[in-house]
Amino acid sequence: MKQWWHQEIEYAAKSLGSDLSSGLPSQEASIRFEKYGPNQLKEAKKYSALRIFFEQFEDFIVWVLIGAARPSLL
């Protein structure tokens, strides 16, 4: 897998068959759309605030910190 973020802009555009000033030709864009689908990110799942709160207690270090704080509360 190429690390595109490490490449020069001109090199990345040339490697992808694109032009920096005009983009992809319409025909090539249609072919890529059919092959790869729309250029969209998948929507992430929504989590409720209550679920996020309870997920905090799944981590072991949280329980260690609670245990360390307990003597000072007593």
PDB file of N, CA and C in Angstrom:
ATOM      1  N   MET A   1       0.846  -1.181   0.000  1.00  0.00           N
ATOM      2  CA  MET A   1       0.000   0.000   0.000  1.00  0.00           C
ATOM      3  C   MET A   1       0.887   1.240   0.000  1.00  0.00           C
ATOM      4  N   LYS A   2       0.633   2.119  -0.932  1.00  0.00           N
ATOM      5  CA  LYS A   2       1.425   3.338  -1.020  1.00  0.00           C
ATOM      6  C   LYS A   2       0.964   4.345   0.026  1.00  0.00           C
ATOM      7  N   GLN A   3       1.910   5.049   0.571  1.00  0.00           N
ATOM      8  CA  GLN A   3       1.597   6.084   1.553  1.00  0.00           C
ATOM      9  C   GLN A   3       1.517   7.409   0.808  1.00  0.00           C
ATOM     10  N   TRP A   4       0.312   7.717   0.318  1.00  0.00           N
ATOM     11  CA  TRP A   4       0.131   8.883  -0.541  1.00  0.00           C
ATOM     12  C   TRP A   4       0.444  10.187   0.160  1.00  0.00           C
ATOM     13  N   TRP A   5       0.285  10.236   1.463  1.00  0.00           N
ATOM     14  CA  TRP A   5       0.528  11.476   2.191  1.00  0.00           C
ATOM     15  C   TRP A   5       2.017  11.813   2.261  1.00  0.00           C
ATOM     16  N   HIS A   6       2.892  10.865   1.925  1.00  0.00           N
ATOM     17  CA  HIS A   6       4.334  11.115   1.906  1.00  0.00           C
ATOM     18  C   HIS A   6       4.832  11.544   0.523  1.00  0.00           C
ATOM     19  N   GLN A   7       3.993  11.503  -0.478  1.00  0.00           N
ATOM     20  CA  GLN A   7       4.400  11.786  -1.847  1.00  0.00           C
ATOM     21  C   GLN A   7       4.198  13.261  -2.197  1.00  0.00           C
ATOM     22  N   GLU A   8       4.944  13.712  -3.164  1.00  0.00           N
ATOM     23  CA  GLU A   8       4.737  15.048  -3.701  1.00  0.00           C
ATOM     24  C   GLU A   8       3.395  15.064  -4.432  1.00  0.00           C
ATOM     25  N   ILE A   9       2.734  16.194  -4.444  1.00  0.00           N
ATOM     26  CA  ILE A   9       1.408  16.307  -5.055  1.00  0.00           C
ATOM     27  C   ILE A   9       1.449  15.927  -6.528  1.00  0.00           C
ATOM     28  N   GLU A  10       2.436  16.424  -7.225  1.00  0.00           N
ATOM     29  CA  GLU A  10       2.538  16.155  -8.660  1.00  0.00           C
ATOM     30  C   GLU A  10       2.708  14.655  -8.931  1.00  0.00           C
ATOM     31  N   TYR A  11       3.542  13.999  -8.125  1.00  0.00           N
ATOM     32  CA  TYR A  11       3.776  12.567  -8.292  1.00  0.00           C
ATOM     33  C   TYR A  11       2.504  11.770  -8.020  1.00  0.00           C
ATOM     34  N   ALA A  12       1.791  12.116  -6.959  1.00  0.00           N
ATOM     35  CA  ALA A  12       0.561  11.400  -6.618  1.00  0.00           C
ATOM     36  C   ALA A  12      -0.483  11.559  -7.722  1.00  0.00           C
ATOM     37  N   ALA A  13      -0.638  12.764  -8.236  1.00  0.00           N
ATOM     38  CA  ALA A  13      -1.613  13.009  -9.309  1.00  0.00           C
ATOM     39  C   ALA A  13      -1.239  12.222 -10.561  1.00  0.00           C
ATOM     40  N   LYS A  14       0.035  12.235 -10.907  1.00  0.00           N
ATOM     41  CA  LYS A  14       0.489  11.503 -12.101  1.00  0.00           C
ATOM     42  C   LYS A  14       0.287  10.000 -11.913  1.00  0.00           C
ATOM     43  N   SER A  15       0.587   9.478 -10.740  1.00  0.00           N
ATOM     44  CA  SER A  15       0.421   8.051 -10.467  1.00  0.00           C
ATOM     45  C   SER A  15      -1.034   7.616 -10.542  1.00  0.00           C
ATOM     46  N   LEU A  16      -1.943   8.506 -10.186  1.00  0.00           N
ATOM     47  CA  LEU A  16      -3.373   8.186 -10.209  1.00  0.00           C
ATOM     48  C   LEU A  16      -4.026   8.511 -11.547  1.00  0.00           C
ATOM     49  N   GLY A  17      -3.224   9.015 -12.492  1.00  0.00           N
ATOM     50  CA  GLY A  17      -3.763   9.331 -13.816  1.00  0.00           C
ATOM     51  C   GLY A  17      -4.635  10.565 -13.817  1.00  0.00           C
ATOM     52  N   SER A  18      -4.326  11.516 -12.963  1.00  0.00           N
ATOM     53  CA  SER A  18      -5.126  12.730 -12.854  1.00  0.00           C
ATOM     54  C   SER A  18      -4.298  13.950 -13.246  1.00  0.00           C
ATOM     55  N   ASP A  19      -4.981  15.041 -13.483  1.00  0.00           N
ATOM     56  CA  ASP A  19      -4.334  16.304 -13.815  1.00  0.00           C
ATOM     57  C   ASP A  19      -4.692  17.295 -12.712  1.00  0.00           C
ATOM     58  N   LEU A  20      -3.686  18.016 -12.203  1.00  0.00           N
ATOM     59  CA  LEU A  20      -3.941  18.933 -11.095  1.00  0.00           C
ATOM     60  C   LEU A  20      -4.860  20.092 -11.464  1.00  0.00           C
ATOM     61  N   SER A  21      -4.844  20.523 -12.699  1.00  0.00           N
ATOM     62  CA  SER A  21      -5.667  21.671 -13.076  1.00  0.00           C
ATOM     63  C   SER A  21      -7.079  21.286 -13.507  1.00  0.00           C
ATOM     64  N   SER A  22      -7.236  20.103 -14.136  1.00  0.00           N
ATOM     65  CA  SER A  22      -8.560  19.745 -14.650  1.00  0.00           C
ATOM     66  C   SER A  22      -9.153  18.486 -14.016  1.00  0.00           C
ATOM     67  N   GLY A  23      -8.390  17.753 -13.227  1.00  0.00           N
ATOM     68  CA  GLY A  23      -8.903  16.540 -12.598  1.00  0.00           C
ATOM     69  C   GLY A  23      -8.944  15.378 -13.570  1.00  0.00           C
ATOM     70  N   LEU A  24      -9.832  14.427 -13.306  1.00  0.00           N
ATOM     71  CA  LEU A  24      -9.974  13.258 -14.171  1.00  0.00           C
ATOM     72  C   LEU A  24     -10.858  13.577 -15.367  1.00  0.00           C
ATOM     73  N   PRO A  25     -10.591  12.977 -16.503  1.00  0.00           N
ATOM     74  CA  PRO A  25     -11.540  13.086 -17.620  1.00  0.00           C
ATOM     75  C   PRO A  25     -12.869  12.428 -17.219  1.00  0.00           C
ATOM     76  N   SER A  26     -13.966  12.908 -17.758  1.00  0.00           N
ATOM     77  CA  SER A  26     -15.294  12.404 -17.394  1.00  0.00           C
ATOM     78  C   SER A  26     -15.418  10.900 -17.580  1.00  0.00           C
ATOM     79  N   GLN A  27     -14.879  10.394 -18.673  1.00  0.00           N
ATOM     80  CA  GLN A  27     -14.981   8.962 -18.940  1.00  0.00           C
ATOM     81  C   GLN A  27     -14.242   8.160 -17.863  1.00  0.00           C
ATOM     82  N   GLU A  28     -13.048   8.596 -17.492  1.00  0.00           N
ATOM     83  CA  GLU A  28     -12.276   7.903 -16.460  1.00  0.00           C
ATOM     84  C   GLU A  28     -12.976   8.002 -15.104  1.00  0.00           C
ATOM     85  N   ALA A  29     -13.574   9.153 -14.811  1.00  0.00           N
ATOM     86  CA  ALA A  29     -14.312   9.318 -13.560  1.00  0.00           C
ATOM     87  C   ALA A  29     -15.491   8.357 -13.503  1.00  0.00           C
ATOM     88  N   SER A  30     -16.187   8.178 -14.604  1.00  0.00           N
ATOM     89  CA  SER A  30     -17.318   7.243 -14.658  1.00  0.00           C
ATOM     90  C   SER A  30     -16.857   5.807 -14.436  1.00  0.00           C
ATOM     91  N   ILE A  31     -15.740   5.443 -15.037  1.00  0.00           N
ATOM     92  CA  ILE A  31     -15.201   4.093 -14.869  1.00  0.00           C
ATOM     93  C   ILE A  31     -14.831   3.848 -13.407  1.00  0.00           C
ATOM     94  N   ARG A  32     -14.171   4.807 -12.807  1.00  0.00           N
ATOM     95  CA  ARG A  32     -13.768   4.649 -11.404  1.00  0.00           C
ATOM     96  C   ARG A  32     -14.980   4.649 -10.472  1.00  0.00           C
ATOM     97  N   PHE A  33     -16.004   5.425 -10.818  1.00  0.00           N
ATOM     98  CA  PHE A  33     -17.223   5.429 -10.013  1.00  0.00           C
ATOM     99  C   PHE A  33     -17.876   4.053 -10.035  1.00  0.00           C
ATOM    100  N   GLU A  34     -17.929   3.444 -11.213  1.00  0.00           N
ATOM    101  CA  GLU A  34     -18.515   2.108 -11.336  1.00  0.00           C
ATOM    102  C   GLU A  34     -17.681   1.072 -10.579  1.00  0.00           C
ATOM    103  N   LYS A  35     -16.362   1.229 -10.625  1.00  0.00           N
ATOM    104  CA  LYS A  35     -15.471   0.254 -10.004  1.00  0.00           C
ATOM    105  C   LYS A  35     -15.408   0.401  -8.483  1.00  0.00           C
ATOM    106  N   TYR A  36     -15.304   1.657  -7.981  1.00  0.00           N
ATOM    107  CA  TYR A  36     -15.063   1.904  -6.557  1.00  0.00           C
ATOM    108  C   TYR A  36     -16.258   2.471  -5.805  1.00  0.00           C
ATOM    109  N   GLY A  37     -17.262   2.959  -6.518  1.00  0.00           N
ATOM    110  CA  GLY A  37     -18.422   3.554  -5.857  1.00  0.00           C
ATOM    111  C   GLY A  37     -18.200   5.035  -5.580  1.00  0.00           C
ATOM    112  N   PRO A  38     -19.146   5.663  -4.896  1.00  0.00           N
ATOM    113  CA  PRO A  38     -19.045   7.097  -4.638  1.00  0.00           C
ATOM    114  C   PRO A  38     -17.898   7.424  -3.672  1.00  0.00           C
ATOM    115  N   ASN A  39     -17.396   8.618  -3.776  1.00  0.00           N
ATOM    116  CA  ASN A  39     -16.295   9.082  -2.942  1.00  0.00           C
ATOM    117  C   ASN A  39     -16.882   9.629  -1.634  1.00  0.00           C
ATOM    118  N   GLN A  40     -17.291   8.710  -0.760  1.00  0.00           N
ATOM    119  CA  GLN A  40     -17.916   9.097   0.507  1.00  0.00           C
ATOM    120  C   GLN A  40     -17.374   8.219   1.629  1.00  0.00           C
ATOM    121  N   LEU A  41     -17.317   8.811   2.815  1.00  0.00           N
ATOM    122  CA  LEU A  41     -16.971   8.045   3.999  1.00  0.00           C
ATOM    123  C   LEU A  41     -18.227   7.406   4.545  1.00  0.00           C
ATOM    124  N   LYS A  42     -18.085   6.209   5.099  1.00  0.00           N
ATOM    125  CA  LYS A  42     -19.232   5.569   5.731  1.00  0.00           C
ATOM    126  C   LYS A  42     -19.534   6.284   7.037  1.00  0.00           C
ATOM    127  N   GLU A  43     -20.813   6.443   7.304  1.00  0.00           N
ATOM    128  CA  GLU A  43     -21.216   7.135   8.528  1.00  0.00           C
ATOM    129  C   GLU A  43     -20.963   6.228   9.723  1.00  0.00           C
ATOM    130  N   ALA A  44     -20.333   6.781  10.737  1.00  0.00           N
ATOM    131  CA  ALA A  44     -20.013   6.013  11.934  1.00  0.00           C
ATOM    132  C   ALA A  44     -21.267   5.821  12.789  1.00  0.00           C
ATOM    133  N   LYS A  45     -21.231   4.755  13.588  1.00  0.00           N
ATOM    134  CA  LYS A  45     -22.349   4.502  14.495  1.00  0.00           C
ATOM    135  C   LYS A  45     -22.422   5.607  15.539  1.00  0.00           C
ATOM    136  N   LYS A  46     -23.626   5.949  15.923  1.00  0.00           N
ATOM    137  CA  LYS A  46     -23.838   6.942  16.975  1.00  0.00           C
ATOM    138  C   LYS A  46     -23.919   6.214  18.313  1.00  0.00           C
ATOM    139  N   TYR A  47     -23.235   6.716  19.300  1.00  0.00           N
ATOM    140  CA  TYR A  47     -23.262   6.139  20.629  1.00  0.00           C
ATOM    141  C   TYR A  47     -23.933   7.107  21.587  1.00  0.00           C
ATOM    142  N   SER A  48     -24.733   6.576  22.479  1.00  0.00           N
ATOM    143  CA  SER A  48     -25.394   7.429  23.469  1.00  0.00           C
ATOM    144  C   SER A  48     -24.382   7.814  24.549  1.00  0.00           C
ATOM    145  N   ALA A  49     -24.681   8.882  25.255  1.00  0.00           N
ATOM    146  CA  ALA A  49     -23.797   9.340  26.319  1.00  0.00           C
ATOM    147  C   ALA A  49     -23.699   8.295  27.423  1.00  0.00           C
ATOM    148  N   LEU A  50     -24.792   7.599  27.699  1.00  0.00           N
ATOM    149  CA  LEU A  50     -24.791   6.569  28.739  1.00  0.00           C
ATOM    150  C   LEU A  50     -23.870   5.410  28.356  1.00  0.00           C
ATOM    151  N   ARG A  51     -23.911   5.001  27.096  1.00  0.00           N
ATOM    152  CA  ARG A  51     -23.041   3.915  26.644  1.00  0.00           C
ATOM    153  C   ARG A  51     -21.570   4.331  26.744  1.00  0.00           C
ATOM    154  N   ILE A  52     -21.267   5.547  26.335  1.00  0.00           N
ATOM    155  CA  ILE A  52     -19.889   6.042  26.415  1.00  0.00           C
ATOM    156  C   ILE A  52     -19.415   6.047  27.867  1.00  0.00           C
ATOM    157  N   PHE A  53     -20.301   6.465  28.787  1.00  0.00           N
ATOM    158  CA  PHE A  53     -19.959   6.491  30.209  1.00  0.00           C
ATOM    159  C   PHE A  53     -19.601   5.094  30.708  1.00  0.00           C
ATOM    160  N   PHE A  54     -20.441   4.093  30.405  1.00  0.00           N
ATOM    161  CA  PHE A  54     -20.194   2.743  30.897  1.00  0.00           C
ATOM    162  C   PHE A  54     -19.005   2.084  30.214  1.00  0.00           C
ATOM    163  N   GLU A  55     -18.699   2.463  28.991  1.00  0.00           N
ATOM    164  CA  GLU A  55     -17.526   1.908  28.320  1.00  0.00           C
ATOM    165  C   GLU A  55     -16.229   2.341  28.980  1.00  0.00           C
ATOM    166  N   GLN A  56     -16.250   3.428  29.724  1.00  0.00           N
ATOM    167  CA  GLN A  56     -15.053   3.879  30.422  1.00  0.00           C
ATOM    168  C   GLN A  56     -14.594   2.853  31.452  1.00  0.00           C
ATOM    169  N   PHE A  57     -15.534   2.074  31.989  1.00  0.00           N
ATOM    170  CA  PHE A  57     -15.210   1.114  33.036  1.00  0.00           C
ATOM    171  C   PHE A  57     -14.746  -0.233  32.489  1.00  0.00           C
ATOM    172  N   GLU A  58     -14.632  -0.378  31.183  1.00  0.00           N
ATOM    173  CA  GLU A  58     -14.128  -1.606  30.588  1.00  0.00           C
ATOM    174  C   GLU A  58     -12.597  -1.678  30.639  1.00  0.00           C
ATOM    175  N   ASP A  59     -11.953  -0.563  30.856  1.00  0.00           N
ATOM    176  CA  ASP A  59     -10.498  -0.520  30.866  1.00  0.00           C
ATOM    177  C   ASP A  59      -9.963  -0.845  32.266  1.00  0.00           C
ATOM    178  N   PHE A  60      -8.988  -1.712  32.325  1.00  0.00           N
ATOM    179  CA  PHE A  60      -8.422  -2.155  33.601  1.00  0.00           C
ATOM    180  C   PHE A  60      -7.827  -0.999  34.394  1.00  0.00           C
ATOM    181  N   ILE A  61      -7.153  -0.083  33.731  1.00  0.00           N
ATOM    182  CA  ILE A  61      -6.486   1.013  34.441  1.00  0.00           C
ATOM    183  C   ILE A  61      -7.487   1.896  35.182  1.00  0.00           C
ATOM    184  N   VAL A  62      -8.711   1.995  34.682  1.00  0.00           N
ATOM    185  CA  VAL A  62      -9.742   2.769  35.372  1.00  0.00           C
ATOM    186  C   VAL A  62     -10.032   2.129  36.723  1.00  0.00           C
ATOM    187  N   TRP A  63     -10.114   0.801  36.751  1.00  0.00           N
ATOM    188  CA  TRP A  63     -10.375   0.110  38.009  1.00  0.00           C
ATOM    189  C   TRP A  63      -9.191   0.257  38.971  1.00  0.00           C
ATOM    190  N   VAL A  64      -7.981   0.289  38.454  1.00  0.00           N
ATOM    191  CA  VAL A  64      -6.804   0.514  39.300  1.00  0.00           C
ATOM    192  C   VAL A  64      -6.879   1.904  39.929  1.00  0.00           C
ATOM    193  N   LEU A  65      -7.247   2.882  39.145  1.00  0.00           N
ATOM    194  CA  LEU A  65      -7.350   4.252  39.667  1.00  0.00           C
ATOM    195  C   LEU A  65      -8.479   4.383  40.685  1.00  0.00           C
ATOM    196  N   ILE A  66      -9.587   3.715  40.434  1.00  0.00           N
ATOM    197  CA  ILE A  66     -10.683   3.737  41.418  1.00  0.00           C
ATOM    198  C   ILE A  66     -10.232   3.088  42.712  1.00  0.00           C
ATOM    199  N   GLY A  67      -9.522   1.951  42.590  1.00  0.00           N
ATOM    200  CA  GLY A  67      -9.004   1.279  43.780  1.00  0.00           C
ATOM    201  C   GLY A  67      -7.997   2.138  44.542  1.00  0.00           C
ATOM    202  N   ALA A  68      -7.179   2.890  43.838  1.00  0.00           N
ATOM    203  CA  ALA A  68      -6.191   3.760  44.480  1.00  0.00           C
ATOM    204  C   ALA A  68      -6.867   4.958  45.137  1.00  0.00           C
ATOM    205  N   ALA A  69      -7.985   5.404  44.599  1.00  0.00           N
ATOM    206  CA  ALA A  69      -8.668   6.560  45.167  1.00  0.00           C
ATOM    207  C   ALA A  69      -9.545   6.184  46.363  1.00  0.00           C
ATOM    208  N   ARG A  70      -9.914   4.926  46.462  1.00  0.00           N
ATOM    209  CA  ARG A  70     -10.842   4.477  47.509  1.00  0.00           C
ATOM    210  C   ARG A  70     -10.328   4.752  48.937  1.00  0.00           C
ATOM    211  N   PRO A  71      -9.071   4.464  49.257  1.00  0.00           N
ATOM    212  CA  PRO A  71      -8.611   4.747  50.633  1.00  0.00           C
ATOM    213  C   PRO A  71      -8.703   6.226  51.007  1.00  0.00           C
ATOM    214  N   SER A  72      -8.505   7.104  50.060  1.00  0.00           N
ATOM    215  CA  SER A  72      -8.580   8.538  50.382  1.00  0.00           C
ATOM    216  C   SER A  72     -10.014   8.990  50.601  1.00  0.00           C
ATOM    217  N   LEU A  73     -10.975   8.230  50.086  1.00  0.00           N
ATOM    218  CA  LEU A  73     -12.383   8.578  50.280  1.00  0.00           C
ATOM    219  C   LEU A  73     -12.899   8.107  51.636  1.00  0.00           C
ATOM    220  N   LEU A  74     -12.225   7.111  52.213  1.00  0.00           N
ATOM    221  CA  LEU A  74     -12.672   6.556  53.497  1.00  0.00           C
ATOM    222  C   LEU A  74     -12.069   7.241  54.642  1.00  0.00           C
TER     223      LEU A  74
END
